[in-house]
C-alpha atoms as a PDB file:
ATOM      1  CA  MET A   1     -93.188  -6.280 -46.516  1.00  0.00           C
ATOM      2  CA  ALA A   2     -95.208  -5.528 -43.456  1.00  0.00           C
ATOM      3  CA  VAL A   3     -98.934  -6.510 -43.268  1.00  0.00           C
ATOM      4  CA  ARG A   4    -101.204  -3.601 -43.767  1.00  0.00           C
ATOM      5  CA  GLY A   5    -104.877  -3.012 -43.129  1.00  0.00           C
ATOM      6  CA  ASN A   6    -107.362  -5.107 -41.191  1.00  0.00           C
ATOM      7  CA  ASN A   7    -106.614  -8.631 -42.539  1.00  0.00           C
ATOM      8  CA  VAL A   8    -107.636 -12.015 -41.343  1.00  0.00           C
ATOM      9  CA  ILE A   9    -105.327 -13.631 -38.642  1.00  0.00           C
ATOM     10  CA  PRO A  10    -103.435 -16.703 -40.480  1.00  0.00           C
ATOM     11  CA  ASN A  11    -104.766 -20.008 -39.028  1.00  0.00           C
ATOM     12  CA  ASN A  12    -101.272 -21.284 -38.062  1.00  0.00           C
ATOM     13  CA  HIS A  13    -100.543 -23.464 -35.024  1.00  0.00           C
ATOM     14  CA  PHE A  14     -98.102 -21.323 -32.764  1.00  0.00           C
ATOM     15  CA  ARG A  15     -99.345 -23.155 -29.542  1.00  0.00           C
ATOM     16  CA  LYS A  16     -96.543 -25.732 -29.197  1.00  0.00           C
ATOM     17  CA  TRP A  17     -95.179 -26.675 -25.852  1.00  0.00           C
ATOM     18  CA  TRP A  18     -91.716 -24.943 -26.668  1.00  0.00           C
ATOM     19  CA  GLN A  19     -90.371 -25.824 -23.277  1.00  0.00           C
ATOM     20  CA  LYS A  20     -90.358 -29.385 -24.179  1.00  0.00           C
ATOM     21  CA  TYR A  21     -87.939 -28.545 -27.051  1.00  0.00           C
ATOM     22  CA  VAL A  22     -85.452 -26.148 -25.319  1.00  0.00           C
ATOM     23  CA  ARG A  23     -82.670 -27.693 -23.874  1.00  0.00           C
ATOM     24  CA  THR A  24     -81.090 -25.561 -20.852  1.00  0.00           C
ATOM     25  CA  TRP A  25     -77.658 -25.602 -19.035  1.00  0.00           C
ATOM     26  CA  PHE A  26     -78.094 -23.858 -15.800  1.00  0.00           C
ATOM     27  CA  ASN A  27     -76.209 -26.375 -13.881  1.00  0.00           C
ATOM     28  CA  GLN A  28     -72.954 -25.377 -15.928  1.00  0.00           C
ATOM     29  CA  ALA A  29     -71.314 -23.471 -12.867  1.00  0.00           C
ATOM     30  CA  GLY A  30     -72.196 -26.375 -10.536  1.00  0.00           C
ATOM     31  CA  ARG A  31     -70.632 -28.818 -12.814  1.00  0.00           C
ATOM     32  CA  LYS A  32     -67.579 -26.837 -13.192  1.00  0.00           C
ATOM     33  CA  LYS A  33     -67.286 -26.590  -9.550  1.00  0.00           C
ATOM     34  CA  SER A  34     -67.678 -30.135  -8.958  1.00  0.00           C
ATOM     35  CA  ARG A  35     -65.100 -31.070 -11.568  1.00  0.00           C
ATOM     36  CA  ARG A  36     -62.613 -28.769  -9.817  1.00  0.00           C
ATOM     37  CA  THR A  37     -63.205 -30.270  -6.278  1.00  0.00           C
ATOM     38  CA  ALA A  38     -63.007 -33.899  -7.800  1.00  0.00           C
ATOM     39  CA  ARG A  39     -59.537 -32.942  -9.383  1.00  0.00           C
ATOM     40  CA  GLU A  40     -58.268 -31.474  -6.127  1.00  0.00           C
ATOM     41  CA  THR A  41     -59.328 -34.639  -4.162  1.00  0.00           C
ATOM     42  CA  LYS A  42     -57.554 -36.889  -6.720  1.00  0.00           C
ATOM     43  CA  LYS A  43     -54.518 -34.815  -6.423  1.00  0.00           C
ATOM     44  CA  ALA A  44     -54.414 -34.968  -2.853  1.00  0.00           C
ATOM     45  CA  GLN A  45     -54.827 -38.758  -2.974  1.00  0.00           C
ATOM     46  CA  ILE A  46     -52.199 -39.286  -5.640  1.00  0.00           C
ATOM     47  CA  ALA A  47     -49.630 -36.819  -4.399  1.00  0.00           C
ATOM     48  CA  PRO A  48     -46.958 -36.194  -5.244  1.00  0.00           C
ATOM     49  CA  ARG A  49     -47.595 -37.843  -8.529  1.00  0.00           C
ATOM     50  CA  PRO A  50     -48.964 -35.468 -11.081  1.00  0.00           C
ATOM     51  CA  LEU A  51     -52.546 -35.670 -12.319  1.00  0.00           C
ATOM     52  CA  GLY A  52     -52.011 -36.280 -15.992  1.00  0.00           C
ATOM     53  CA  LEU A  53     -49.822 -38.250 -18.235  1.00  0.00           C
ATOM     54  CA  LEU A  54     -46.783 -37.039 -20.130  1.00  0.00           C
ATOM     55  CA  ARG A  55     -47.914 -36.360 -23.819  1.00  0.00           C
ATOM     56  CA  PRO A  56     -45.843 -35.932 -27.154  1.00  0.00           C
ATOM     57  CA  ALA A  57     -45.468 -32.780 -29.121  1.00  0.00           C
ATOM     58  CA  VAL A  58     -47.312 -33.350 -32.529  1.00  0.00           C
ATOM     59  CA  HIS A  59     -48.304 -31.238 -35.548  1.00  0.00           C
ATOM     60  CA  PRO A  60     -52.073 -31.141 -36.214  1.00  0.00           C
ATOM     61  CA  PRO A  61     -53.145 -32.400 -39.844  1.00  0.00           C
ATOM     62  CA  THR A  62     -54.137 -30.335 -43.018  1.00  0.00           C
ATOM     63  CA  VAL A  63     -52.047 -27.350 -44.307  1.00  0.00           C
ATOM     64  CA  ARG A  64     -54.228 -25.100 -42.343  1.00  0.00           C
ATOM     65  CA  TYR A  65     -52.949 -26.165 -38.812  1.00  0.00           C
ATOM     66  CA  ASN A  66     -49.755 -28.145 -39.532  1.00  0.00           C
ATOM     67  CA  PHE A  67     -47.449 -25.247 -38.527  1.00  0.00           C
ATOM     68  CA  LYS A  68     -48.863 -25.484 -34.927  1.00  0.00           C
ATOM     69  CA  LEU A  69     -47.344 -27.631 -32.090  1.00  0.00           C
ATOM     70  CA  ARG A  70     -49.840 -29.358 -29.592  1.00  0.00           C
ATOM     71  CA  ALA A  71     -50.038 -32.187 -27.183  1.00  0.00           C
ATOM     72  CA  GLY A  72     -50.699 -35.503 -28.901  1.00  0.00           C
ATOM     73  CA  ARG A  73     -52.396 -38.732 -27.537  1.00  0.00           C
ATOM     74  CA  GLY A  74     -49.358 -40.963 -26.842  1.00  0.00           C
ATOM     75  CA  PHE A  75     -45.889 -41.567 -27.814  1.00  0.00           C
ATOM     76  CA  THR A  76     -44.960 -44.016 -30.458  1.00  0.00           C
ATOM     77  CA  LEU A  77     -43.189 -47.356 -30.106  1.00  0.00           C
ATOM     78  CA  ASP A  78     -40.300 -46.183 -32.114  1.00  0.00           C
ATOM     79  CA  GLU A  79     -39.712 -43.043 -29.641  1.00  0.00           C
ATOM     80  CA  LEU A  80     -40.168 -45.307 -26.624  1.00  0.00           C
ATOM     81  CA  LYS A  81     -37.407 -47.511 -28.240  1.00  0.00           C
ATOM     82  CA  LYS A  82     -35.193 -44.612 -28.955  1.00  0.00           C
ATOM     83  CA  ALA A  83     -35.458 -43.149 -25.468  1.00  0.00           C
ATOM     84  CA  GLY A  84     -34.798 -46.801 -24.206  1.00  0.00           C
ATOM     85  CA  ILE A  85     -38.129 -47.012 -22.275  1.00  0.00           C
ATOM     86  CA  PRO A  86     -39.939 -50.455 -22.346  1.00  0.00           C
ATOM     87  CA  ARG A  87     -43.719 -50.121 -23.443  1.00  0.00           C
ATOM     88  CA  LYS A  88     -45.157 -51.646 -20.291  1.00  0.00           C
ATOM     89  CA  GLN A  89     -42.805 -49.566 -18.053  1.00  0.00           C
ATOM     90  CA  ALA A  90     -43.748 -46.346 -19.796  1.00  0.00           C
ATOM     91  CA  GLN A  91     -47.483 -46.865 -18.895  1.00  0.00           C
ATOM     92  CA  SER A  92     -46.531 -47.270 -15.262  1.00  0.00           C
ATOM     93  CA  ILE A  93     -44.390 -44.388 -14.975  1.00  0.00           C
ATOM     94  CA  GLY A  94     -47.033 -41.698 -16.314  1.00  0.00           C
ATOM     95  CA  ILE A  95     -46.013 -41.804 -20.135  1.00  0.00           C
ATOM     96  CA  ALA A  96     -48.894 -42.141 -22.434  1.00  0.00           C
ATOM     97  CA  VAL A  97     -48.303 -44.574 -25.255  1.00  0.00           C
ATOM     98  CA  ASP A  98     -50.195 -44.832 -28.814  1.00  0.00           C
ATOM     99  CA  HIS A  99     -49.371 -47.747 -30.572  1.00  0.00           C
ATOM    100  CA  ARG A 100     -51.406 -46.564 -33.788  1.00  0.00           C
ATOM    101  CA  ARG A 101     -49.354 -43.415 -34.180  1.00  0.00           C
ATOM    102  CA  THR A 102     -46.372 -43.599 -36.509  1.00  0.00           C
ATOM    103  CA  ASN A 103     -43.312 -41.189 -37.117  1.00  0.00           C
ATOM    104  CA  ARG A 104     -43.318 -39.517 -40.502  1.00  0.00           C
ATOM    105  CA  CYS A 105     -40.053 -37.818 -40.250  1.00  0.00           C
ATOM    106  CA  GLN A 106     -36.799 -37.868 -38.270  1.00  0.00           C
ATOM    107  CA  GLU A 107     -37.544 -34.261 -36.596  1.00  0.00           C
ATOM    108  CA  SER A 108     -40.631 -35.435 -34.753  1.00  0.00           C
ATOM    109  CA  LEU A 109     -38.886 -38.796 -33.759  1.00  0.00           C
ATOM    110  CA  ASP A 110     -35.803 -36.632 -32.221  1.00  0.00           C
ATOM    111  CA  LEU A 111     -38.075 -34.110 -30.662  1.00  0.00           C
ATOM    112  CA  ASN A 112     -40.164 -36.576 -28.818  1.00  0.00           C
ATOM    113  CA  ALA A 113     -37.197 -38.642 -27.833  1.00  0.00           C
ATOM    114  CA  ALA A 114     -35.564 -35.768 -26.319  1.00  0.00           C
ATOM    115  CA  ARG A 115     -38.949 -34.840 -24.606  1.00  0.00           C
ATOM    116  CA  LEU A 116     -38.724 -38.446 -22.928  1.00  0.00           C
ATOM    117  CA  ALA A 117     -35.196 -38.054 -21.949  1.00  0.00           C
ATOM    118  CA  GLU A 118     -36.092 -34.702 -20.220  1.00  0.00           C
ATOM    119  CA  TYR A 119     -38.763 -36.212 -18.361  1.00  0.00           C
ATOM    120  CA  GLN A 120     -36.722 -39.325 -17.339  1.00  0.00           C
ATOM    121  CA  SER A 121     -34.012 -36.842 -16.019  1.00  0.00           C
ATOM    122  CA  LYS A 122     -36.547 -35.188 -13.680  1.00  0.00           C
ATOM    123  CA  LEU A 123     -38.568 -38.381 -12.725  1.00  0.00           C
ATOM    124  CA  MET A 124     -38.252 -39.693  -9.242  1.00  0.00           C
ATOM    125  CA  ILE A 125     -39.933 -43.350  -8.559  1.00  0.00           C
ATOM    126  CA  MET A 126     -40.937 -43.659  -4.989  1.00  0.00           C
ATOM    127  CA  PRO A 127     -40.793 -47.255  -3.592  1.00  0.00           C
ATOM    128  CA  ARG A 128     -43.936 -48.849  -2.701  1.00  0.00           C
ATOM    129  CA  GLY A 129     -42.819 -50.971   0.195  1.00  0.00           C
ATOM    130  CA  SER A 130     -39.689 -50.805   2.515  1.00  0.00           C
ATOM    131  CA  LYS A 131     -37.374 -52.106   0.154  1.00  0.00           C
ATOM    132  CA  ALA A 132     -36.526 -50.368  -2.970  1.00  0.00           C
ATOM    133  CA  LYS A 133     -36.431 -52.161  -6.316  1.00  0.00           C
ATOM    134  CA  LYS A 134     -34.443 -51.846  -9.428  1.00  0.00           C
ATOM    135  CA  GLY A 135     -35.329 -48.352 -11.052  1.00  0.00           C
ATOM    136  CA  ASP A 136     -36.429 -46.632  -7.692  1.00  0.00           C
ATOM    137  CA  THR A 137     -34.886 -43.378  -6.666  1.00  0.00           C
ATOM    138  CA  PRO A 138     -32.759 -43.800  -3.500  1.00  0.00           C
ATOM    139  CA  LYS A 139     -34.272 -42.440  -0.254  1.00  0.00           C
ATOM    140  CA  LYS A 140     -31.543 -39.933   0.084  1.00  0.00           C
ATOM    141  CA  GLU A 141     -32.543 -38.199  -2.821  1.00  0.00           C
ATOM    142  CA  LEU A 142     -36.133 -38.329  -1.851  1.00  0.00           C
ATOM    143  CA  GLU A 143     -35.707 -36.743   1.448  1.00  0.00           C
ATOM    144  CA  GLY A 144     -35.013 -33.323  -0.124  1.00  0.00           C
ATOM    145  CA  ALA A 145     -37.126 -33.570  -3.001  1.00  0.00           C
ATOM    146  CA  LYS A 146     -40.348 -31.510  -3.344  1.00  0.00           C
ATOM    147  CA  LEU A 147     -43.331 -31.729  -5.783  1.00  0.00           C
ATOM    148  CA  ALA A 148     -42.880 -29.253  -8.676  1.00  0.00           C
ATOM    149  CA  ALA A 149     -45.272 -26.372  -9.062  1.00  0.00           C
ATOM    150  CA  PRO A 150     -48.841 -27.610 -10.147  1.00  0.00           C
ATOM    151  CA  CYS A 151     -49.671 -27.327 -13.744  1.00  0.00           C
ATOM    152  CA  LYS A 152     -52.432 -28.574 -15.987  1.00  0.00           C
ATOM    153  CA  THR A 153     -50.111 -30.670 -17.874  1.00  0.00           C
ATOM    154  CA  VAL A 154     -46.894 -32.567 -17.362  1.00  0.00           C
ATOM    155  CA  LEU A 155     -43.812 -30.731 -19.199  1.00  0.00           C
ATOM    156  CA  PRO A 156     -45.929 -28.016 -20.880  1.00  0.00           C
ATOM    157  CA  ILE A 157     -44.906 -27.786 -24.619  1.00  0.00           C
ATOM    158  CA  ALA A 158     -43.136 -24.673 -25.493  1.00  0.00           C
ATOM    159  CA  LYS A 159     -44.729 -22.988 -28.575  1.00  0.00           C
ATOM    160  CA  PRO A 160     -42.342 -21.228 -30.870  1.00  0.00           C
ATOM    161  CA  VAL A 161     -43.032 -17.464 -31.322  1.00  0.00           C
ATOM    162  CA  LEU A 162     -44.033 -16.933 -35.054  1.00  0.00           C
ATOM    163  CA  ARG A 163     -44.334 -13.307 -35.012  1.00  0.00           C
ATOM    164  CA  VAL A 164     -41.417 -11.480 -36.467  1.00  0.00           C
ATOM    165  CA  LYS A 165     -40.614  -8.114 -35.010  1.00  0.00           C
ATOM    166  CA  ALA A 166     -40.868  -5.090 -37.663  1.00  0.00           C
ATOM    167  CA  ARG A 167     -37.340  -3.782 -38.813  1.00  0.00           C
ATOM    168  CA  LYS A 168     -36.087  -1.797 -41.664  1.00  0.00           C
ATOM    169  CA  ILE A 169     -35.411  -3.335 -45.077  1.00  0.00           C
ATOM    170  CA  THR A 170     -31.586  -3.747 -45.613  1.00  0.00           C
ATOM    171  CA  ALA A 171     -29.619  -2.405 -48.676  1.00  0.00           C
ATOM    172  CA  GLU A 172     -28.721  -5.782 -49.742  1.00  0.00           C
ATOM    173  CA  GLU A 173     -32.522  -6.764 -49.747  1.00  0.00           C
ATOM    174  CA  LYS A 174     -33.442  -3.585 -51.733  1.00  0.00           C
ATOM    175  CA  ALA A 175     -30.667  -4.268 -54.265  1.00  0.00           C
ATOM    176  CA  GLY A 176     -31.905  -7.923 -54.871  1.00  0.00           C
ATOM    177  CA  SER A 177     -35.516  -8.821 -56.222  1.00  0.00           C
ATOM    178  CA  ALA A 178     -37.198 -11.945 -55.233  1.00  0.00           C
ATOM    179  CA  TYR A 179     -39.393 -11.699 -58.624  1.00  0.00           C
ATOM    180  CA  LYS A 180     -36.019 -11.586 -60.807  1.00  0.00           C
ATOM    181  CA  VAL A 181     -34.746 -14.389 -58.916  1.00  0.00           C
ATOM    182  CA  LEU A 182     -37.791 -16.597 -59.428  1.00  0.00           C
ATOM    183  CA  ARG A 183     -38.122 -15.403 -62.996  1.00  0.00           C
ATOM    184  CA  LYS A 184     -34.405 -16.334 -63.778  1.00  0.00           C
ATOM    185  CA  ALA A 185     -34.776 -19.860 -62.157  1.00  0.00           C
ATOM    186  CA  ARG A 186     -38.084 -20.579 -64.282  1.00  0.00           C
ATOM    187  CA  THR A 187     -36.451 -19.471 -67.495  1.00  0.00           C
ATOM    188  CA  ASP A 188     -33.256 -21.508 -66.771  1.00  0.00           C
ATOM    189  CA  LYS A 189     -35.390 -24.626 -66.145  1.00  0.00           C
ATOM    190  CA  LYS A 190     -37.347 -24.060 -69.351  1.00  0.00           C
ATOM    191  CA  MET A 191     -34.429 -23.563 -71.533  1.00  0.00           C
ATOM    192  CA  PHE A 192     -32.066 -26.011 -69.921  1.00  0.00           C
ATOM    193  CA  GLY A 193     -32.647 -28.772 -72.849  1.00  0.00           C
ATOM    194  CA  ARG A 194     -32.298 -26.010 -75.449  1.00  0.00           C
ATOM    195  CA  ARG A 195     -29.028 -24.546 -73.981  1.00  0.00           C
ATOM    196  CA  LEU A 196     -27.481 -28.022 -73.562  1.00  0.00           C
ATOM    197  CA  LYS A 197     -28.450 -28.861 -77.310  1.00  0.00           C
ATOM    198  CA  ARG A 198     -26.783 -25.490 -78.495  1.00  0.00           C
ATOM    199  CA  ALA A 199     -23.600 -25.907 -76.462  1.00  0.00           C
ATOM    200  CA  ALA A 200     -23.227 -29.275 -78.075  1.00  0.00           C
ATOM    201  CA  ASP A 201     -23.910 -28.236 -81.597  1.00  0.00           C
ATOM    202  CA  LYS A 202     -21.278 -25.491 -80.899  1.00  0.00           C
ATOM    203  CA  ALA A 203     -18.853 -27.999 -79.632  1.00  0.00           C
ATOM    204  CA  ASP A 204     -19.428 -30.121 -82.818  1.00  0.00           C
ATOM    205  CA  LYS A 205     -18.756 -27.071 -85.112  1.00  0.00           C
ATOM    206  CA  ALA A 206     -15.634 -26.393 -83.540  1.00  0.00           C
ATOM    207  CA  LYS A 207     -14.455 -29.875 -83.822  1.00  0.00           C
ATOM    208  CA  GLN A 208     -14.974 -29.938 -87.449  1.00  0.00           C
ATOM    209  CA  LYS A 209     -13.257 -26.830 -88.038  1.00  0.00           C
END
């Protein structure tokens, strides 16, 4: 409740130097501009190479987020082996490697191996000196080549559309009931042993007769 009447002012200390304990961030816009100009400068220096590295497509942990698909830290050694890329060469041609990550399923291994294969098909290695080394792109192909449209990431991950468009319920769906199917499956599982025994007893009685 609010204080009423001519009461005594409480003897509390509200005279702290509050500016000392407040952290401001007035340089946020300036930092943003500095980072952008640094990126543009680096892009011009290393052109036509892309700014970032190729990252794998991974599922985040926990049930809450594992249905999503995002860029991971680096490719596993198994994924590089399947794609036929040596580990040391991968780091030199713009592929991120993470030796700690492991593949838990065949799907993720195939997905990232295909991603590496796609990257290799589009990759052009420019010779450093006058003579081209083994694995370098021929000069004839480099003449007409142009840098792809700049993007934040190399080979952006295509995220699947999870939303289902509204539609009418079909007659087949109306006729069947998911509740009945589950109920029957539950009953069949529960009664499996009893029904098996009943069938065996019936067969024994038929033999005796």
